[in-house]
Structure formats: C-alpha cells, structure tokens
C-alpha cells in the first residue's frame, strides 16, 4: 500500500511554492535597494528645483 497524503496540504504547498517563485521573480524585476530609491528621489528633486529656477514668469 502506498503512502497516504493529505490532498489539501499538497494543494496548499503547491500554491505556496508558486507564490514564492513569483515573488522571487518580482524581486528581480522590480526590487531596488534603499540607496537606489534615495538616489532616484534626490535626482528627481534636483531636476524639479532646476526646472523651477529656470521657469519664466509672464
């Protein structure tokens, strides 16, 4: 006689594994370090200041 398995546990384990795989793919595609986010934020602020400084008043 074969080993008994709980089908609910097997299904949930399969779903968890798929979710973990998707999360890993998302981390590679979208993940940034805090330093990278801060650098982007600082660059955006610098560009906005430059734009405001060179804006013409009518």
PDB file of N, CA and C in Angstrom:
ATOM      1  N   UNK A   1       0.839  -1.169   0.000  1.00  0.00           N
ATOM      2  CA  UNK A   1       0.000   0.000   0.000  1.00  0.00           C
ATOM      3  C   UNK A   1       0.885   1.234   0.000  1.00  0.00           C
ATOM      4  N   UNK A   2       0.490   2.255  -0.747  1.00  0.00           N
ATOM      5  CA  UNK A   2       1.284   3.473  -0.880  1.00  0.00           C
ATOM      6  C   UNK A   2       1.148   4.395   0.320  1.00  0.00           C
ATOM      7  N   UNK A   3       1.946   5.424   0.317  1.00  0.00           N
ATOM      8  CA  UNK A   3       1.871   6.415   1.390  1.00  0.00           C
ATOM      9  C   UNK A   3       0.613   7.253   1.234  1.00  0.00           C
ATOM     10  N   UNK A   4       0.042   7.576   2.365  1.00  0.00           N
ATOM     11  CA  UNK A   4      -1.131   8.444   2.356  1.00  0.00           C
ATOM     12  C   UNK A   4      -0.682   9.901   2.360  1.00  0.00           C
ATOM     13  N   UNK A   5      -1.362  10.719   1.556  1.00  0.00           N
ATOM     14  CA  UNK A   5      -1.056  12.142   1.559  1.00  0.00           C
ATOM     15  C   UNK A   5      -2.352  12.917   1.742  1.00  0.00           C
ATOM     16  N   UNK A   6      -2.227  14.032   2.395  1.00  0.00           N
ATOM     17  CA  UNK A   6      -3.372  14.903   2.572  1.00  0.00           C
ATOM     18  C   UNK A   6      -3.444  15.796   1.339  1.00  0.00           C
ATOM     19  N   UNK A   7      -4.503  15.683   0.558  1.00  0.00           N
ATOM     20  CA  UNK A   7      -4.605  16.428  -0.693  1.00  0.00           C
ATOM     21  C   UNK A   7      -4.696  17.931  -0.455  1.00  0.00           C
ATOM     22  N   UNK A   8      -5.341  18.353   0.632  1.00  0.00           N
ATOM     23  CA  UNK A   8      -5.420  19.788   0.937  1.00  0.00           C
ATOM     24  C   UNK A   8      -4.025  20.350   1.220  1.00  0.00           C
ATOM     25  N   UNK A   9      -3.242  19.620   1.993  1.00  0.00           N
ATOM     26  CA  UNK A   9      -1.879  20.088   2.288  1.00  0.00           C
ATOM     27  C   UNK A   9      -1.031  20.125   1.034  1.00  0.00           C
ATOM     28  N   UNK A  10      -1.158  19.120   0.189  1.00  0.00           N
ATOM     29  CA  UNK A  10      -0.379  19.076  -1.047  1.00  0.00           C
ATOM     30  C   UNK A  10      -0.763  20.244  -1.960  1.00  0.00           C
ATOM     31  N   UNK A  11      -2.044  20.527  -2.067  1.00  0.00           N
ATOM     32  CA  UNK A  11      -2.511  21.631  -2.907  1.00  0.00           C
ATOM     33  C   UNK A  11      -1.994  22.958  -2.373  1.00  0.00           C
ATOM     34  N   UNK A  12      -2.119  23.168  -1.072  1.00  0.00           N
ATOM     35  CA  UNK A  12      -1.674  24.422  -0.474  1.00  0.00           C
ATOM     36  C   UNK A  12      -0.163  24.580  -0.582  1.00  0.00           C
ATOM     37  N   UNK A  13       0.575  23.498  -0.445  1.00  0.00           N
ATOM     38  CA  UNK A  13       2.026  23.568  -0.591  1.00  0.00           C
ATOM     39  C   UNK A  13       2.403  23.944  -2.023  1.00  0.00           C
ATOM     40  N   UNK A  14       1.687  23.402  -2.991  1.00  0.00           N
ATOM     41  CA  UNK A  14       1.952  23.726  -4.385  1.00  0.00           C
ATOM     42  C   UNK A  14       1.661  25.199  -4.656  1.00  0.00           C
ATOM     43  N   UNK A  15       0.562  25.728  -4.088  1.00  0.00           N
ATOM     44  CA  UNK A  15       0.219  27.149  -4.261  1.00  0.00           C
ATOM     45  C   UNK A  15       1.266  28.036  -3.601  1.00  0.00           C
ATOM     46  N   UNK A  16       1.719  27.650  -2.399  1.00  0.00           N
ATOM     47  CA  UNK A  16       2.752  28.433  -1.708  1.00  0.00           C
ATOM     48  C   UNK A  16       4.044  28.464  -2.503  1.00  0.00           C
ATOM     49  N   UNK A  17       4.430  27.337  -3.079  1.00  0.00           N
ATOM     50  CA  UNK A  17       5.661  27.265  -3.866  1.00  0.00           C
ATOM     51  C   UNK A  17       5.563  28.155  -5.105  1.00  0.00           C
ATOM     52  N   UNK A  18       4.410  28.150  -5.746  1.00  0.00           N
ATOM     53  CA  UNK A  18       4.216  29.002  -6.928  1.00  0.00           C
ATOM     54  C   UNK A  18       4.268  30.478  -6.539  1.00  0.00           C
ATOM     55  N   UNK A  19       3.678  30.825  -5.402  1.00  0.00           N
ATOM     56  CA  UNK A  19       3.703  32.215  -4.941  1.00  0.00           C
ATOM     57  C   UNK A  19       5.123  32.644  -4.599  1.00  0.00           C
ATOM     58  N   UNK A  20       5.898  31.764  -4.000  1.00  0.00           N
ATOM     59  CA  UNK A  20       7.287  32.084  -3.665  1.00  0.00           C
ATOM     60  C   UNK A  20       8.112  32.291  -4.934  1.00  0.00           C
ATOM     61  N   UNK A  21       7.862  31.483  -5.950  1.00  0.00           N
ATOM     62  CA  UNK A  21       8.559  31.643  -7.225  1.00  0.00           C
ATOM     63  C   UNK A  21       8.227  32.980  -7.857  1.00  0.00           C
ATOM     64  N   UNK A  22       6.949  33.348  -7.842  1.00  0.00           N
ATOM     65  CA  UNK A  22       6.509  34.624  -8.413  1.00  0.00           C
ATOM     66  C   UNK A  22       7.115  35.792  -7.640  1.00  0.00           C
ATOM     67  N   UNK A  23       7.174  35.674  -6.328  1.00  0.00           N
ATOM     68  CA  UNK A  23       7.757  36.735  -5.505  1.00  0.00           C
ATOM     69  C   UNK A  23       9.230  36.921  -5.822  1.00  0.00           C
ATOM     70  N   UNK A  24       9.943  35.837  -6.025  1.00  0.00           N
ATOM     71  CA  UNK A  24      11.363  35.929  -6.366  1.00  0.00           C
ATOM     72  C   UNK A  24      11.549  36.611  -7.722  1.00  0.00           C
ATOM     73  N   UNK A  25      10.701  36.283  -8.673  1.00  0.00           N
ATOM     74  CA  UNK A  25      10.780  36.919  -9.992  1.00  0.00           C
ATOM     75  C   UNK A  25      10.477  38.414  -9.887  1.00  0.00           C
ATOM     76  N   UNK A  26       9.491  38.774  -9.061  1.00  0.00           N
ATOM     77  CA  UNK A  26       9.146  40.184  -8.882  1.00  0.00           C
ATOM     78  C   UNK A  26      10.281  40.945  -8.201  1.00  0.00           C
ATOM     79  N   UNK A  27      10.944  40.321  -7.243  1.00  0.00           N
ATOM     80  CA  UNK A  27      12.072  40.984  -6.577  1.00  0.00           C
ATOM     81  C   UNK A  27      13.169  41.297  -7.579  1.00  0.00           C
ATOM     82  N   UNK A  28      13.429  40.374  -8.497  1.00  0.00           N
ATOM     83  CA  UNK A  28      14.453  40.620  -9.508  1.00  0.00           C
ATOM     84  C   UNK A  28      14.020  41.724 -10.469  1.00  0.00           C
ATOM     85  N   UNK A  29      12.751  41.729 -10.847  1.00  0.00           N
ATOM     86  CA  UNK A  29      12.287  42.679 -11.848  1.00  0.00           C
ATOM     87  C   UNK A  29      12.079  44.073 -11.271  1.00  0.00           C
ATOM     88  N   UNK A  30      11.558  44.193 -10.060  1.00  0.00           N
ATOM     89  CA  UNK A  30      11.136  45.482  -9.541  1.00  0.00           C
ATOM     90  C   UNK A  30      11.891  45.934  -8.302  1.00  0.00           C
ATOM     91  N   UNK A  31      12.631  45.073  -7.693  1.00  0.00           N
ATOM     92  CA  UNK A  31      13.267  45.403  -6.426  1.00  0.00           C
ATOM     93  C   UNK A  31      14.418  46.380  -6.573  1.00  0.00           C
ATOM     94  N   UNK A  32      14.486  47.347  -5.681  1.00  0.00           N
ATOM     95  CA  UNK A  32      15.589  48.291  -5.625  1.00  0.00           C
ATOM     96  C   UNK A  32      16.025  48.405  -4.177  1.00  0.00           C
ATOM     97  N   UNK A  33      17.288  48.679  -4.000  1.00  0.00           N
ATOM     98  CA  UNK A  33      17.776  48.883  -2.643  1.00  0.00           C
ATOM     99  C   UNK A  33      17.341  50.254  -2.162  1.00  0.00           C
ATOM    100  N   UNK A  34      17.408  50.473  -0.863  1.00  0.00           N
ATOM    101  CA  UNK A  34      17.026  51.764  -0.303  1.00  0.00           C
ATOM    102  C   UNK A  34      17.934  52.861  -0.843  1.00  0.00           C
ATOM    103  N   UNK A  35      19.213  52.578  -1.010  1.00  0.00           N
ATOM    104  CA  UNK A  35      20.145  53.565  -1.546  1.00  0.00           C
ATOM    105  C   UNK A  35      19.762  53.964  -2.972  1.00  0.00           C
ATOM    106  N   UNK A  36      19.346  52.999  -3.769  1.00  0.00           N
ATOM    107  CA  UNK A  36      18.923  53.314  -5.137  1.00  0.00           C
ATOM    108  C   UNK A  36      17.664  54.170  -5.134  1.00  0.00           C
ATOM    109  N   UNK A  37      16.700  53.832  -4.272  1.00  0.00           N
ATOM    110  CA  UNK A  37      15.476  54.640  -4.192  1.00  0.00           C
ATOM    111  C   UNK A  37      15.789  56.063  -3.747  1.00  0.00           C
ATOM    112  N   UNK A  38      16.662  56.209  -2.746  1.00  0.00           N
ATOM    113  CA  UNK A  38      17.031  57.541  -2.260  1.00  0.00           C
ATOM    114  C   UNK A  38      17.751  58.340  -3.332  1.00  0.00           C
ATOM    115  N   UNK A  39      18.618  57.695  -4.094  1.00  0.00           N
ATOM    116  CA  UNK A  39      19.341  58.386  -5.160  1.00  0.00           C
ATOM    117  C   UNK A  39      18.384  58.879  -6.236  1.00  0.00           C
ATOM    118  N   UNK A  40      17.414  58.071  -6.584  1.00  0.00           N
ATOM    119  CA  UNK A  40      16.428  58.461  -7.588  1.00  0.00           C
ATOM    120  C   UNK A  40      15.584  59.625  -7.074  1.00  0.00           C
ATOM    121  N   UNK A  41      15.188  59.555  -5.796  1.00  0.00           N
ATOM    122  CA  UNK A  41      14.396  60.628  -5.207  1.00  0.00           C
ATOM    123  C   UNK A  41      15.185  61.943  -5.186  1.00  0.00           C
ATOM    124  N   UNK A  42      16.469  61.884  -4.831  1.00  0.00           N
ATOM    125  CA  UNK A  42      17.313  63.081  -4.793  1.00  0.00           C
ATOM    126  C   UNK A  42      17.492  63.660  -6.191  1.00  0.00           C
ATOM    127  N   UNK A  43      17.694  62.809  -7.174  1.00  0.00           N
ATOM    128  CA  UNK A  43      17.854  63.283  -8.554  1.00  0.00           C
ATOM    129  C   UNK A  43      16.577  63.946  -9.054  1.00  0.00           C
ATOM    130  N   UNK A  44      15.431  63.364  -8.739  1.00  0.00           N
ATOM    131  CA  UNK A  44      14.157  63.946  -9.141  1.00  0.00           C
ATOM    132  C   UNK A  44      13.963  65.315  -8.498  1.00  0.00           C
ATOM    133  N   UNK A  45      14.276  65.430  -7.218  1.00  0.00           N
ATOM    134  CA  UNK A  45      14.151  66.705  -6.525  1.00  0.00           C
ATOM    135  C   UNK A  45      15.087  67.742  -7.139  1.00  0.00           C
ATOM    136  N   UNK A  46      16.310  67.342  -7.487  1.00  0.00           N
ATOM    137  CA  UNK A  46      17.262  68.268  -8.095  1.00  0.00           C
ATOM    138  C   UNK A  46      16.744  68.768  -9.442  1.00  0.00           C
ATOM    139  N   UNK A  47      16.197  67.871 -10.250  1.00  0.00           N
ATOM    140  CA  UNK A  47      15.664  68.261 -11.544  1.00  0.00           C
ATOM    141  C   UNK A  47      14.465  69.197 -11.398  1.00  0.00           C
ATOM    142  N   UNK A  48      13.612  68.954 -10.419  1.00  0.00           N
ATOM    143  CA  UNK A  48      12.465  69.834 -10.191  1.00  0.00           C
ATOM    144  C   UNK A  48      12.920  71.225  -9.757  1.00  0.00           C
ATOM    145  N   UNK A  49      13.933  71.292  -8.883  1.00  0.00           N
ATOM    146  CA  UNK A  49      14.462  72.589  -8.464  1.00  0.00           C
ATOM    147  C   UNK A  49      15.034  73.346  -9.657  1.00  0.00           C
ATOM    148  N   UNK A  50      15.756  72.636 -10.518  1.00  0.00           N
ATOM    149  CA  UNK A  50      16.328  73.259 -11.709  1.00  0.00           C
ATOM    150  C   UNK A  50      15.225  73.780 -12.621  1.00  0.00           C
ATOM    151  N   UNK A  51      14.197  72.995 -12.811  1.00  0.00           N
ATOM    152  CA  UNK A  51      13.079  73.411 -13.667  1.00  0.00           C
ATOM    153  C   UNK A  51      12.386  74.643 -13.098  1.00  0.00           C
ATOM    154  N   UNK A  52      12.155  74.659 -11.782  1.00  0.00           N
ATOM    155  CA  UNK A  52      11.512  75.810 -11.148  1.00  0.00           C
ATOM    156  C   UNK A  52      12.392  77.048 -11.243  1.00  0.00           C
ATOM    157  N   UNK A  53      13.694  76.899 -11.162  1.00  0.00           N
ATOM    158  CA  UNK A  53      14.603  78.023 -11.204  1.00  0.00           C
ATOM    159  C   UNK A  53      14.670  78.638 -12.602  1.00  0.00           C
ATOM    160  N   UNK A  54      14.480  77.840 -13.634  1.00  0.00           N
ATOM    161  CA  UNK A  54      14.587  78.357 -14.995  1.00  0.00           C
ATOM    162  C   UNK A  54      13.223  78.684 -15.602  1.00  0.00           C
ATOM    163  N   UNK A  55      12.176  78.609 -14.853  1.00  0.00           N
ATOM    164  CA  UNK A  55      10.835  78.883 -15.357  1.00  0.00           C
ATOM    165  C   UNK A  55      10.661  80.378 -15.549  1.00  0.00           C
ATOM    166  N   UNK A  56      10.033  80.748 -16.645  1.00  0.00           N
ATOM    167  CA  UNK A  56       9.764  82.159 -16.925  1.00  0.00           C
ATOM    168  C   UNK A  56       8.470  82.586 -16.266  1.00  0.00           C
ATOM    169  N   UNK A  57       8.461  83.806 -15.813  1.00  0.00           N
ATOM    170  CA  UNK A  57       7.249  84.401 -15.266  1.00  0.00           C
ATOM    171  C   UNK A  57       6.648  85.292 -16.348  1.00  0.00           C
ATOM    172  N   UNK A  58       5.376  85.170 -16.618  1.00  0.00           N
ATOM    173  CA  UNK A  58       4.721  86.022 -17.616  1.00  0.00           C
ATOM    174  C   UNK A  58       4.221  87.300 -17.017  1.00  0.00           C
TER     175      UNK A  58
END
